[in-house]
Amino acid sequence: MKIVVSIGGSVLAKELKPDKFRNYASAFREIAKDHTLFIVTGGGKAAREYIGVARELGASEAVSDDIGIQVTRLNARLMIAAIGDDAFHEPPETYRDALKAAITGKIVVMGGVVPGQTTDAVSAILAEYTGADLLINATATDGVYTSDPKKDLDAKKFDSMTAKQLIEIVTKTDMAAGANSPVDILASKIIERSSIRTIVLNGEKPGNIVDAVKGKHNGTVIEG
């Protein structure tokens, strides 16, 4: 299979610890033994801090986004270092370059691409561009809920759902100030238009990602 894994910065780099990167690298090498693997790394806390300072200094939203992209690429470089020789040597900066890098047979790791796209969206577009069989969104939550579970005790998790249902849930969640959605609206629409099989799961344990590839997980499956 051809697989894209989106790993949120809040999962991968909440704190910069070498062992965390090593543990994920081990999981990714295991997956790559049998599959073509692309990884998209988020920026996490560091990206938010840099963006916050940029805004305070008067930078435009586009410039602030670009600064955040640079942080995602730093996380990608750390992951490449952790994976070692099994990884392509640098983070591709375009989808076309990512596809070319995969020809080498190496694990391809990249961060953001252009301002205005989160790494959720980047991973969905990458999955579409490369014709991936599976997109795994490894987040700090264990799936998609009917509403924000941090604010609604009655929120129920979906074991499976359609992409159309995902868009409805994400749109409703995004309308609430400060709400946290496991998949953003652009990524959701890309998943819908390309019918990309997607799994949203808790990625705080690298083994959860490996298990999902094998068909064992407790997340939410999204079918086109």
N, C-alpha and C. Protein backbone atom coordinates (compact mmCIF):
# COMPACT_ATOMS: atom_id res chain seq x y z
N MET A 1 0.83 -1.21 0.00
CA MET A 1 0.00 0.00 0.00
C MET A 1 0.86 1.25 0.00
N LYS A 2 0.27 2.32 -0.45
CA LYS A 2 0.89 3.63 -0.36
C LYS A 2 0.16 4.37 0.77
N ILE A 3 0.92 4.82 1.76
CA ILE A 3 0.32 5.37 2.98
C ILE A 3 0.89 6.75 3.28
N VAL A 4 0.00 7.66 3.67
CA VAL A 4 0.40 8.98 4.16
C VAL A 4 0.02 9.06 5.64
N VAL A 5 0.98 9.42 6.47
CA VAL A 5 0.73 9.62 7.90
C VAL A 5 0.92 11.09 8.23
N SER A 6 -0.12 11.71 8.75
CA SER A 6 -0.02 13.07 9.25
C SER A 6 0.15 12.99 10.76
N ILE A 7 1.26 13.47 11.27
CA ILE A 7 1.50 13.41 12.71
C ILE A 7 1.57 14.83 13.27
N GLY A 8 0.60 15.15 14.10
CA GLY A 8 0.49 16.50 14.63
C GLY A 8 1.68 16.91 15.47
N GLY A 9 2.02 18.18 15.41
CA GLY A 9 3.11 18.69 16.22
C GLY A 9 2.85 18.56 17.70
N SER A 10 1.56 18.61 18.09
CA SER A 10 1.22 18.47 19.51
C SER A 10 1.47 17.05 20.00
N VAL A 11 1.54 16.10 19.07
CA VAL A 11 1.85 14.72 19.41
C VAL A 11 3.35 14.47 19.34
N LEU A 12 3.96 14.89 18.24
CA LEU A 12 5.36 14.59 17.99
C LEU A 12 6.31 15.49 18.78
N ALA A 13 5.98 16.78 18.86
CA ALA A 13 6.95 17.74 19.40
C ALA A 13 6.34 18.64 20.47
N LYS A 14 5.51 18.05 21.31
CA LYS A 14 5.00 18.82 22.44
C LYS A 14 6.17 19.32 23.28
N GLU A 15 7.12 18.42 23.45
CA GLU A 15 8.43 18.75 24.01
C GLU A 15 9.46 18.09 23.10
N LEU A 16 10.54 18.78 22.83
CA LEU A 16 11.55 18.22 21.94
C LEU A 16 12.42 17.23 22.70
N LYS A 17 12.11 15.94 22.51
CA LYS A 17 12.86 14.89 23.17
C LYS A 17 13.34 13.88 22.13
N PRO A 18 14.64 13.62 22.08
CA PRO A 18 15.17 12.70 21.08
C PRO A 18 14.50 11.33 21.08
N ASP A 19 14.23 10.80 22.28
CA ASP A 19 13.63 9.46 22.35
C ASP A 19 12.26 9.41 21.70
N LYS A 20 11.52 10.51 21.77
CA LYS A 20 10.20 10.54 21.14
C LYS A 20 10.34 10.37 19.63
N PHE A 21 11.26 11.10 19.05
CA PHE A 21 11.50 10.97 17.61
C PHE A 21 12.01 9.57 17.26
N ARG A 22 12.87 9.02 18.10
CA ARG A 22 13.39 7.68 17.85
C ARG A 22 12.28 6.64 17.86
N ASN A 23 11.35 6.77 18.80
CA ASN A 23 10.25 5.80 18.91
C ASN A 23 9.35 5.84 17.67
N TYR A 24 9.05 7.05 17.21
CA TYR A 24 8.24 7.16 15.99
C TYR A 24 9.02 6.66 14.79
N ALA A 25 10.31 6.96 14.75
CA ALA A 25 11.14 6.51 13.63
C ALA A 25 11.13 4.98 13.53
N SER A 26 11.20 4.31 14.67
CA SER A 26 11.16 2.85 14.69
C SER A 26 9.85 2.33 14.12
N ALA A 27 8.75 2.97 14.51
CA ALA A 27 7.43 2.57 14.00
C ALA A 27 7.34 2.80 12.49
N PHE A 28 7.85 3.93 12.03
CA PHE A 28 7.77 4.24 10.60
C PHE A 28 8.64 3.28 9.77
N ARG A 29 9.80 2.92 10.31
CA ARG A 29 10.64 1.95 9.59
C ARG A 29 9.94 0.60 9.47
N GLU A 30 9.20 0.22 10.53
CA GLU A 30 8.47 -1.05 10.49
C GLU A 30 7.39 -1.02 9.40
N ILE A 31 6.66 0.08 9.33
CA ILE A 31 5.61 0.21 8.31
C ILE A 31 6.22 0.18 6.91
N ALA A 32 7.35 0.87 6.75
CA ALA A 32 7.96 1.01 5.43
C ALA A 32 8.58 -0.28 4.90
N LYS A 33 8.68 -1.31 5.73
CA LYS A 33 9.17 -2.59 5.24
C LYS A 33 8.26 -3.17 4.17
N ASP A 34 6.95 -2.89 4.30
CA ASP A 34 5.97 -3.48 3.39
C ASP A 34 5.17 -2.46 2.59
N HIS A 35 5.39 -1.17 2.86
CA HIS A 35 4.55 -0.15 2.23
C HIS A 35 5.38 1.06 1.82
N THR A 36 4.88 1.81 0.85
CA THR A 36 5.46 3.11 0.49
C THR A 36 4.90 4.13 1.49
N LEU A 37 5.79 4.85 2.16
CA LEU A 37 5.35 5.70 3.27
C LEU A 37 5.76 7.16 3.10
N PHE A 38 4.76 8.03 3.27
CA PHE A 38 4.97 9.47 3.33
C PHE A 38 4.55 9.94 4.72
N ILE A 39 5.31 10.87 5.29
CA ILE A 39 4.98 11.42 6.61
C ILE A 39 4.93 12.94 6.50
N VAL A 40 3.90 13.53 7.10
CA VAL A 40 3.78 14.98 7.17
C VAL A 40 3.80 15.38 8.63
N THR A 41 4.76 16.21 9.02
CA THR A 41 4.91 16.61 10.42
C THR A 41 4.31 18.00 10.66
N GLY A 42 3.62 18.13 11.78
CA GLY A 42 3.07 19.42 12.17
C GLY A 42 4.09 20.26 12.94
N GLY A 43 3.68 21.46 13.29
CA GLY A 43 4.60 22.37 13.97
C GLY A 43 4.45 22.38 15.48
N GLY A 44 3.22 22.18 15.96
CA GLY A 44 3.00 22.11 17.40
C GLY A 44 3.20 23.42 18.13
N LYS A 45 3.57 23.29 19.39
CA LYS A 45 3.71 24.44 20.29
C LYS A 45 4.72 25.46 19.76
N ALA A 46 5.84 24.97 19.26
CA ALA A 46 6.89 25.89 18.78
C ALA A 46 6.37 26.75 17.63
N ALA A 47 5.62 26.14 16.71
CA ALA A 47 5.08 26.90 15.58
C ALA A 47 4.11 27.97 16.07
N ARG A 48 3.25 27.59 17.01
CA ARG A 48 2.28 28.56 17.54
C ARG A 48 3.00 29.73 18.23
N GLU A 49 4.09 29.44 18.93
CA GLU A 49 4.83 30.51 19.61
C GLU A 49 5.49 31.44 18.61
N TYR A 50 6.11 30.89 17.58
CA TYR A 50 6.74 31.72 16.56
C TYR A 50 5.70 32.57 15.83
N ILE A 51 4.57 31.95 15.51
CA ILE A 51 3.51 32.69 14.81
C ILE A 51 2.97 33.80 15.70
N GLY A 52 2.82 33.52 16.98
CA GLY A 52 2.34 34.53 17.92
C GLY A 52 3.26 35.73 17.99
N VAL A 53 4.56 35.48 18.06
CA VAL A 53 5.53 36.57 18.11
C VAL A 53 5.52 37.35 16.79
N ALA A 54 5.43 36.63 15.68
CA ALA A 54 5.41 37.29 14.36
C ALA A 54 4.22 38.24 14.26
N ARG A 55 3.07 37.81 14.73
CA ARG A 55 1.88 38.67 14.69
C ARG A 55 2.07 39.90 15.57
N GLU A 56 2.65 39.69 16.75
CA GLU A 56 2.90 40.82 17.66
C GLU A 56 3.84 41.84 17.02
N LEU A 57 4.72 41.35 16.18
CA LEU A 57 5.68 42.23 15.52
C LEU A 57 5.12 42.87 14.25
N GLY A 58 3.86 42.54 13.94
CA GLY A 58 3.21 43.16 12.80
C GLY A 58 3.31 42.40 11.49
N ALA A 59 3.79 41.16 11.54
CA ALA A 59 3.87 40.37 10.31
C ALA A 59 2.47 40.03 9.81
N SER A 60 2.32 39.94 8.50
CA SER A 60 1.04 39.58 7.90
C SER A 60 0.74 38.12 8.23
N GLU A 61 -0.52 37.73 7.99
CA GLU A 61 -0.90 36.34 8.23
C GLU A 61 -0.14 35.39 7.30
N ALA A 62 0.08 35.82 6.07
CA ALA A 62 0.82 34.97 5.13
C ALA A 62 2.25 34.76 5.59
N VAL A 63 2.89 35.85 6.05
CA VAL A 63 4.26 35.74 6.56
C VAL A 63 4.29 34.89 7.82
N SER A 64 3.31 35.07 8.69
CA SER A 64 3.23 34.28 9.92
C SER A 64 3.06 32.80 9.58
N ASP A 65 2.21 32.52 8.59
CA ASP A 65 2.04 31.14 8.13
C ASP A 65 3.36 30.56 7.63
N ASP A 66 4.08 31.36 6.88
CA ASP A 66 5.35 30.89 6.32
C ASP A 66 6.35 30.56 7.42
N ILE A 67 6.34 31.35 8.48
CA ILE A 67 7.20 31.07 9.62
C ILE A 67 6.81 29.74 10.25
N GLY A 68 5.50 29.51 10.39
CA GLY A 68 5.03 28.23 10.93
C GLY A 68 5.45 27.06 10.05
N ILE A 69 5.42 27.25 8.74
CA ILE A 69 5.84 26.21 7.81
C ILE A 69 7.30 25.83 8.05
N GLN A 70 8.13 26.84 8.29
CA GLN A 70 9.55 26.55 8.55
C GLN A 70 9.73 25.68 9.78
N VAL A 71 8.89 25.88 10.79
CA VAL A 71 8.96 25.05 12.00
C VAL A 71 8.55 23.62 11.69
N THR A 72 7.50 23.45 10.88
CA THR A 72 7.10 22.08 10.51
C THR A 72 8.23 21.37 9.78
N ARG A 73 8.97 22.11 8.97
CA ARG A 73 10.07 21.50 8.22
C ARG A 73 11.25 21.17 9.14
N LEU A 74 11.43 21.95 10.19
CA LEU A 74 12.44 21.59 11.19
C LEU A 74 12.08 20.28 11.87
N ASN A 75 10.80 20.11 12.21
CA ASN A 75 10.37 18.84 12.80
C ASN A 75 10.56 17.69 11.81
N ALA A 76 10.32 17.99 10.54
CA ALA A 76 10.55 16.96 9.51
C ALA A 76 12.02 16.57 9.46
N ARG A 77 12.89 17.55 9.57
CA ARG A 77 14.34 17.25 9.53
C ARG A 77 14.76 16.42 10.74
N LEU A 78 14.17 16.71 11.89
CA LEU A 78 14.47 15.89 13.07
C LEU A 78 14.01 14.45 12.87
N MET A 79 12.84 14.29 12.25
CA MET A 79 12.34 12.95 11.99
C MET A 79 13.22 12.22 10.98
N ILE A 80 13.68 12.95 9.96
CA ILE A 80 14.59 12.36 8.98
C ILE A 80 15.87 11.90 9.67
N ALA A 81 16.39 12.72 10.57
CA ALA A 81 17.60 12.34 11.32
C ALA A 81 17.37 11.08 12.14
N ALA A 82 16.18 10.99 12.73
CA ALA A 82 15.85 9.83 13.57
C ALA A 82 15.69 8.56 12.74
N ILE A 83 15.08 8.68 11.56
CA ILE A 83 14.88 7.52 10.69
C ILE A 83 16.19 7.06 10.08
N GLY A 84 17.07 8.01 9.80
CA GLY A 84 18.39 7.67 9.27
C GLY A 84 18.37 7.34 7.79
N ASP A 85 19.14 6.32 7.39
CA ASP A 85 19.33 6.01 5.98
C ASP A 85 18.06 5.56 5.27
N ASP A 86 17.05 5.18 6.03
CA ASP A 86 15.79 4.73 5.42
C ASP A 86 14.92 5.90 4.96
N ALA A 87 15.32 7.13 5.31
CA ALA A 87 14.54 8.31 4.94
C ALA A 87 15.20 9.06 3.78
N PHE A 88 14.36 9.68 2.93
CA PHE A 88 14.88 10.61 1.92
C PHE A 88 15.58 11.74 2.66
N HIS A 89 16.67 12.26 2.11
CA HIS A 89 17.60 13.08 2.87
C HIS A 89 17.10 14.46 3.27
N GLU A 90 16.04 14.97 2.64
CA GLU A 90 15.54 16.30 3.00
C GLU A 90 14.03 16.37 2.80
N PRO A 91 13.36 17.32 3.48
CA PRO A 91 11.91 17.43 3.33
C PRO A 91 11.55 18.07 1.98
N PRO A 92 10.79 17.38 1.14
CA PRO A 92 10.32 18.01 -0.11
C PRO A 92 9.46 19.23 0.22
N GLU A 93 9.52 20.23 -0.65
CA GLU A 93 8.76 21.45 -0.41
C GLU A 93 7.55 21.58 -1.31
N THR A 94 7.37 20.61 -2.21
CA THR A 94 6.19 20.57 -3.07
C THR A 94 5.69 19.13 -3.14
N TYR A 95 4.44 18.98 -3.58
CA TYR A 95 3.87 17.63 -3.72
C TYR A 95 4.58 16.87 -4.84
N ARG A 96 4.92 17.58 -5.89
CA ARG A 96 5.63 16.94 -7.00
C ARG A 96 6.98 16.40 -6.54
N ASP A 97 7.69 17.20 -5.76
CA ASP A 97 9.00 16.76 -5.26
C ASP A 97 8.85 15.56 -4.31
N ALA A 98 7.75 15.53 -3.55
CA ALA A 98 7.51 14.40 -2.66
C ALA A 98 7.31 13.12 -3.46
N LEU A 99 6.57 13.23 -4.54
CA LEU A 99 6.33 12.07 -5.40
C LEU A 99 7.63 11.59 -6.03
N LYS A 100 8.46 12.53 -6.48
CA LYS A 100 9.76 12.17 -7.06
C LYS A 100 10.65 11.50 -6.01
N ALA A 101 10.62 12.02 -4.78
CA ALA A 101 11.46 11.47 -3.72
C ALA A 101 11.11 10.02 -3.43
N ALA A 102 9.82 9.69 -3.56
CA ALA A 102 9.36 8.33 -3.26
C ALA A 102 9.93 7.30 -4.22
N ILE A 103 10.34 7.75 -5.40
CA ILE A 103 10.91 6.84 -6.39
C ILE A 103 12.18 6.17 -5.85
N THR A 104 12.85 6.84 -4.93
CA THR A 104 14.08 6.30 -4.34
C THR A 104 13.81 5.09 -3.44
N GLY A 105 12.54 4.89 -3.07
CA GLY A 105 12.21 3.80 -2.16
C GLY A 105 12.39 4.17 -0.70
N LYS A 106 12.74 5.42 -0.45
CA LYS A 106 12.95 5.87 0.92
C LYS A 106 11.64 6.38 1.54
N ILE A 107 11.61 6.49 2.86
CA ILE A 107 10.50 7.13 3.56
C ILE A 107 10.60 8.63 3.29
N VAL A 108 9.52 9.23 2.85
CA VAL A 108 9.51 10.66 2.53
C VAL A 108 8.87 11.42 3.69
N VAL A 109 9.59 12.39 4.24
CA VAL A 109 9.10 13.18 5.36
C VAL A 109 9.08 14.65 4.95
N MET A 110 7.94 15.30 5.13
CA MET A 110 7.84 16.71 4.77
C MET A 110 6.99 17.46 5.79
N GLY A 111 7.09 18.79 5.74
CA GLY A 111 6.26 19.63 6.60
C GLY A 111 5.24 20.36 5.78
N GLY A 112 5.03 21.65 6.08
CA GLY A 112 4.06 22.45 5.36
C GLY A 112 4.53 22.78 3.95
N VAL A 113 3.60 23.33 3.17
CA VAL A 113 3.91 23.64 1.77
C VAL A 113 3.71 25.12 1.46
N VAL A 114 2.49 25.61 1.63
CA VAL A 114 2.21 27.01 1.32
C VAL A 114 1.36 27.63 2.42
N PRO A 115 1.42 28.96 2.59
CA PRO A 115 0.56 29.64 3.57
C PRO A 115 -0.91 29.35 3.30
N GLY A 116 -1.68 29.23 4.38
CA GLY A 116 -3.11 28.99 4.25
C GLY A 116 -3.50 27.53 4.32
N GLN A 117 -2.50 26.64 4.30
CA GLN A 117 -2.79 25.21 4.42
C GLN A 117 -2.18 24.68 5.71
N THR A 118 -3.01 24.02 6.51
CA THR A 118 -2.47 23.33 7.68
C THR A 118 -1.81 22.03 7.22
N THR A 119 -1.09 21.37 8.12
CA THR A 119 -0.49 20.10 7.74
C THR A 119 -1.57 19.01 7.61
N ASP A 120 -2.74 19.20 8.19
CA ASP A 120 -3.89 18.32 7.89
C ASP A 120 -4.18 18.37 6.39
N ALA A 121 -4.31 19.58 5.88
CA ALA A 121 -4.61 19.75 4.46
C ALA A 121 -3.47 19.25 3.60
N VAL A 122 -2.23 19.52 4.00
CA VAL A 122 -1.08 19.06 3.23
C VAL A 122 -1.10 17.54 3.10
N SER A 123 -1.39 16.85 4.20
CA SER A 123 -1.39 15.38 4.16
C SER A 123 -2.51 14.86 3.26
N ALA A 124 -3.68 15.50 3.29
CA ALA A 124 -4.80 15.07 2.45
C ALA A 124 -4.48 15.31 0.97
N ILE A 125 -3.91 16.48 0.67
CA ILE A 125 -3.55 16.77 -0.73
C ILE A 125 -2.43 15.84 -1.19
N LEU A 126 -1.48 15.56 -0.31
CA LEU A 126 -0.40 14.64 -0.66
C LEU A 126 -0.95 13.24 -0.95
N ALA A 127 -1.90 12.80 -0.13
CA ALA A 127 -2.53 11.50 -0.35
C ALA A 127 -3.24 11.48 -1.71
N GLU A 128 -3.92 12.58 -2.03
CA GLU A 128 -4.60 12.69 -3.31
C GLU A 128 -3.59 12.71 -4.46
N TYR A 129 -2.55 13.50 -4.31
CA TYR A 129 -1.55 13.70 -5.37
C TYR A 129 -0.80 12.40 -5.68
N THR A 130 -0.50 11.63 -4.64
CA THR A 130 0.30 10.42 -4.82
C THR A 130 -0.56 9.17 -5.05
N GLY A 131 -1.88 9.33 -4.97
CA GLY A 131 -2.76 8.18 -5.12
C GLY A 131 -2.65 7.20 -3.97
N ALA A 132 -2.53 7.73 -2.76
CA ALA A 132 -2.36 6.88 -1.58
C ALA A 132 -3.61 6.04 -1.32
N ASP A 133 -3.36 4.87 -0.77
CA ASP A 133 -4.45 3.95 -0.41
C ASP A 133 -5.03 4.27 0.97
N LEU A 134 -4.23 4.91 1.81
CA LEU A 134 -4.65 5.16 3.19
C LEU A 134 -4.01 6.43 3.71
N LEU A 135 -4.81 7.23 4.41
CA LEU A 135 -4.33 8.42 5.11
C LEU A 135 -4.59 8.21 6.59
N ILE A 136 -3.55 8.33 7.40
CA ILE A 136 -3.69 8.21 8.85
C ILE A 136 -3.41 9.57 9.47
N ASN A 137 -4.38 10.09 10.20
CA ASN A 137 -4.22 11.36 10.90
C ASN A 137 -3.98 11.05 12.38
N ALA A 138 -2.72 11.12 12.79
CA ALA A 138 -2.33 10.80 14.16
C ALA A 138 -2.37 12.08 15.00
N THR A 139 -3.37 12.18 15.86
CA THR A 139 -3.60 13.41 16.61
C THR A 139 -3.53 13.15 18.11
N ALA A 140 -3.91 14.16 18.87
CA ALA A 140 -3.94 14.02 20.33
C ALA A 140 -5.29 13.53 20.81
N THR A 141 -6.24 13.29 19.89
CA THR A 141 -7.54 12.74 20.25
C THR A 141 -7.68 11.35 19.63
N ASP A 142 -8.65 10.59 20.10
CA ASP A 142 -8.75 9.20 19.67
C ASP A 142 -9.78 8.97 18.57
N GLY A 143 -10.18 10.03 17.89
CA GLY A 143 -11.12 9.88 16.80
C GLY A 143 -11.94 11.13 16.59
N VAL A 144 -13.00 10.98 15.81
CA VAL A 144 -13.91 12.09 15.52
C VAL A 144 -15.17 11.92 16.37
N TYR A 145 -15.59 13.01 17.01
CA TYR A 145 -16.75 12.99 17.89
C TYR A 145 -17.88 13.84 17.31
N THR A 146 -19.07 13.63 17.84
CA THR A 146 -20.24 14.40 17.40
C THR A 146 -20.10 15.88 17.74
N SER A 147 -19.31 16.18 18.76
CA SER A 147 -19.00 17.56 19.15
C SER A 147 -17.68 17.52 19.91
N ASP A 148 -17.19 18.67 20.32
CA ASP A 148 -15.90 18.74 21.01
C ASP A 148 -16.00 18.03 22.35
N PRO A 149 -15.34 16.86 22.51
CA PRO A 149 -15.45 16.10 23.76
C PRO A 149 -14.86 16.81 24.98
N LYS A 150 -14.02 17.80 24.75
CA LYS A 150 -13.45 18.55 25.87
C LYS A 150 -14.47 19.51 26.48
N LYS A 151 -15.50 19.81 25.68
CA LYS A 151 -16.51 20.77 26.14
C LYS A 151 -17.90 20.16 26.31
N ASP A 152 -18.10 19.02 25.68
CA ASP A 152 -19.43 18.39 25.72
C ASP A 152 -19.30 16.96 26.25
N LEU A 153 -19.77 16.74 27.46
CA LEU A 153 -19.66 15.42 28.09
C LEU A 153 -20.52 14.38 27.37
N ASP A 154 -21.49 14.83 26.59
CA ASP A 154 -22.37 13.91 25.86
C ASP A 154 -21.85 13.60 24.45
N ALA A 155 -20.70 14.12 24.11
CA ALA A 155 -20.13 13.87 22.78
C ALA A 155 -19.87 12.37 22.60
N LYS A 156 -20.22 11.87 21.43
CA LYS A 156 -20.04 10.45 21.14
C LYS A 156 -19.06 10.29 19.97
N LYS A 157 -18.21 9.28 20.11
CA LYS A 157 -17.21 9.04 19.07
C LYS A 157 -17.78 8.17 17.96
N PHE A 158 -17.40 8.51 16.73
CA PHE A 158 -17.76 7.69 15.58
C PHE A 158 -16.73 6.57 15.43
N ASP A 159 -17.19 5.35 15.25
CA ASP A 159 -16.28 4.27 14.87
C ASP A 159 -15.99 4.36 13.38
N SER A 160 -17.02 4.75 12.62
CA SER A 160 -16.86 4.97 11.18
C SER A 160 -17.84 6.05 10.75
N MET A 161 -17.54 6.69 9.64
CA MET A 161 -18.39 7.77 9.14
C MET A 161 -18.06 8.03 7.69
N THR A 162 -18.92 8.77 7.02
CA THR A 162 -18.64 9.17 5.64
C THR A 162 -17.89 10.51 5.66
N ALA A 163 -17.26 10.83 4.54
CA ALA A 163 -16.57 12.12 4.43
C ALA A 163 -17.56 13.27 4.54
N LYS A 164 -18.78 13.06 4.03
CA LYS A 164 -19.80 14.10 4.13
C LYS A 164 -20.16 14.37 5.58
N GLN A 165 -20.29 13.32 6.39
CA GLN A 165 -20.54 13.49 7.82
C GLN A 165 -19.39 14.23 8.49
N LEU A 166 -18.17 13.90 8.08
CA LEU A 166 -17.00 14.57 8.65
C LEU A 166 -17.07 16.07 8.40
N ILE A 167 -17.41 16.46 7.18
CA ILE A 167 -17.49 17.89 6.84
C ILE A 167 -18.55 18.57 7.71
N GLU A 168 -19.67 17.92 7.91
CA GLU A 168 -20.73 18.50 8.73
C GLU A 168 -20.26 18.70 10.17
N ILE A 169 -19.56 17.71 10.72
CA ILE A 169 -19.07 17.80 12.09
C ILE A 169 -18.00 18.87 12.21
N VAL A 170 -17.05 18.88 11.28
CA VAL A 170 -15.95 19.84 11.32
C VAL A 170 -16.46 21.27 11.16
N THR A 171 -17.41 21.46 10.26
CA THR A 171 -17.98 22.79 10.07
C THR A 171 -18.64 23.29 11.34
N LYS A 172 -19.39 22.42 11.99
CA LYS A 172 -20.06 22.79 13.23
C LYS A 172 -19.05 23.09 14.33
N THR A 173 -17.99 22.28 14.40
CA THR A 173 -16.97 22.47 15.44
C THR A 173 -16.19 23.75 15.21
N ASP A 174 -15.83 24.01 13.93
CA ASP A 174 -15.04 25.19 13.61
C ASP A 174 -15.77 26.49 13.91
N MET A 175 -17.09 26.43 13.93
CA MET A 175 -17.87 27.64 14.19
C MET A 175 -17.81 28.06 15.66
N ALA A 176 -17.44 27.13 16.52
CA ALA A 176 -17.35 27.45 17.95
C ALA A 176 -15.97 28.00 18.26
N ALA A 177 -15.92 29.19 18.83
CA ALA A 177 -14.64 29.84 19.12
C ALA A 177 -13.80 28.96 20.04
N GLY A 178 -12.55 28.75 19.64
CA GLY A 178 -11.62 27.99 20.47
C GLY A 178 -11.80 26.49 20.39
N ALA A 179 -12.72 26.03 19.56
CA ALA A 179 -12.96 24.60 19.44
C ALA A 179 -11.78 23.93 18.75
N ASN A 180 -11.63 22.64 19.05
CA ASN A 180 -10.51 21.91 18.49
C ASN A 180 -11.02 20.74 17.67
N SER A 181 -10.79 20.78 16.36
CA SER A 181 -11.26 19.72 15.47
C SER A 181 -10.08 18.85 15.07
N PRO A 182 -10.26 17.50 15.06
CA PRO A 182 -9.14 16.61 14.72
C PRO A 182 -8.74 16.68 13.25
N VAL A 183 -9.64 17.16 12.38
CA VAL A 183 -9.34 17.32 10.95
C VAL A 183 -9.92 18.66 10.51
N ASP A 184 -9.15 19.48 9.80
CA ASP A 184 -9.68 20.79 9.44
C ASP A 184 -10.59 20.69 8.21
N ILE A 185 -11.27 21.78 7.90
CA ILE A 185 -12.30 21.76 6.87
C ILE A 185 -11.73 21.50 5.47
N LEU A 186 -10.57 22.10 5.14
CA LEU A 186 -10.00 21.87 3.82
C LEU A 186 -9.60 20.42 3.64
N ALA A 187 -8.96 19.85 4.66
CA ALA A 187 -8.58 18.44 4.59
C ALA A 187 -9.81 17.57 4.43
N SER A 188 -10.88 17.89 5.14
CA SER A 188 -12.12 17.11 5.07
C SER A 188 -12.68 17.12 3.65
N LYS A 189 -12.64 18.28 3.00
CA LYS A 189 -13.18 18.38 1.63
C LYS A 189 -12.30 17.63 0.62
N ILE A 190 -10.99 17.64 0.85
CA ILE A 190 -10.09 16.88 -0.02
C ILE A 190 -10.38 15.38 0.14
N ILE A 191 -10.57 14.95 1.38
CA ILE A 191 -10.88 13.54 1.64
C ILE A 191 -12.17 13.15 0.93
N GLU A 192 -13.16 14.06 0.96
CA GLU A 192 -14.43 13.76 0.31
C GLU A 192 -14.28 13.68 -1.20
N ARG A 193 -13.62 14.66 -1.81
CA ARG A 193 -13.61 14.70 -3.27
C ARG A 193 -12.79 13.56 -3.88
N SER A 194 -11.82 13.05 -3.10
CA SER A 194 -10.98 11.98 -3.64
C SER A 194 -11.28 10.61 -3.05
N SER A 195 -12.27 10.56 -2.16
CA SER A 195 -12.66 9.29 -1.53
C SER A 195 -11.45 8.58 -0.91
N ILE A 196 -10.65 9.35 -0.17
CA ILE A 196 -9.45 8.80 0.46
C ILE A 196 -9.85 8.09 1.76
N ARG A 197 -9.53 6.82 1.87
CA ARG A 197 -9.80 6.10 3.12
C ARG A 197 -8.89 6.69 4.20
N THR A 198 -9.51 7.16 5.27
CA THR A 198 -8.79 7.90 6.31
C THR A 198 -9.09 7.32 7.68
N ILE A 199 -8.07 7.28 8.52
CA ILE A 199 -8.24 6.87 9.91
C ILE A 199 -7.74 8.00 10.80
N VAL A 200 -8.61 8.47 11.69
CA VAL A 200 -8.22 9.46 12.70
C VAL A 200 -8.05 8.72 14.01
N LEU A 201 -6.87 8.84 14.60
CA LEU A 201 -6.60 8.07 15.83
C LEU A 201 -5.68 8.84 16.76
N ASN A 202 -5.59 8.33 17.97
CA ASN A 202 -4.65 8.90 18.94
C ASN A 202 -3.25 8.43 18.58
N GLY A 203 -2.40 9.38 18.22
CA GLY A 203 -1.06 9.02 17.78
C GLY A 203 0.01 9.17 18.83
N GLU A 204 -0.39 9.32 20.09
CA GLU A 204 0.61 9.57 21.13
C GLU A 204 1.46 8.34 21.42
N LYS A 205 0.98 7.16 21.00
CA LYS A 205 1.79 5.95 21.07
C LYS A 205 2.08 5.51 19.63
N PRO A 206 3.35 5.47 19.25
CA PRO A 206 3.71 5.10 17.87
C PRO A 206 3.10 3.77 17.43
N GLY A 207 2.96 2.85 18.38
CA GLY A 207 2.40 1.54 18.05
C GLY A 207 0.99 1.62 17.52
N ASN A 208 0.25 2.66 17.91
CA ASN A 208 -1.12 2.83 17.42
C ASN A 208 -1.14 3.01 15.90
N ILE A 209 -0.12 3.68 15.39
CA ILE A 209 -0.04 3.93 13.94
C ILE A 209 0.27 2.62 13.21
N VAL A 210 1.20 1.86 13.76
CA VAL A 210 1.55 0.56 13.18
C VAL A 210 0.33 -0.36 13.17
N ASP A 211 -0.39 -0.40 14.29
CA ASP A 211 -1.59 -1.25 14.40
C ASP A 211 -2.65 -0.85 13.37
N ALA A 212 -2.80 0.46 13.15
CA ALA A 212 -3.81 0.94 12.20
C ALA A 212 -3.51 0.44 10.79
N VAL A 213 -2.25 0.42 10.42
CA VAL A 213 -1.87 -0.09 9.11
C VAL A 213 -2.24 -1.57 8.99
N LYS A 214 -2.17 -2.28 10.11
CA LYS A 214 -2.50 -3.70 10.13
C LYS A 214 -4.00 -3.95 10.28
N GLY A 215 -4.77 -2.86 10.42
CA GLY A 215 -6.22 -3.00 10.53
C GLY A 215 -6.74 -3.07 11.94
N LYS A 216 -5.88 -2.79 12.92
CA LYS A 216 -6.30 -2.83 14.32
C LYS A 216 -6.14 -1.44 14.93
N HIS A 217 -7.24 -0.84 15.33
CA HIS A 217 -7.17 0.49 15.95
C HIS A 217 -8.49 0.82 16.63
N ASN A 218 -8.46 1.86 17.45
CA ASN A 218 -9.66 2.32 18.15
C ASN A 218 -10.08 3.72 17.69
N GLY A 219 -9.64 4.11 16.51
CA GLY A 219 -9.96 5.44 16.00
C GLY A 219 -11.24 5.46 15.18
N THR A 220 -11.34 6.47 14.34
CA THR A 220 -12.52 6.64 13.46
C THR A 220 -12.09 6.43 12.01
N VAL A 221 -12.82 5.56 11.32
CA VAL A 221 -12.56 5.31 9.90
C VAL A 221 -13.49 6.20 9.07
N ILE A 222 -12.93 6.91 8.12
CA ILE A 222 -13.69 7.78 7.23
C ILE A 222 -13.61 7.21 5.82
N GLU A 223 -14.75 6.88 5.28
CA GLU A 223 -14.82 6.36 3.92
C GLU A 223 -15.46 7.41 3.02
N GLY A 224 -14.96 7.50 1.79
CA GLY A 224 -15.49 8.50 0.88
C GLY A 224 -16.95 8.30 0.56
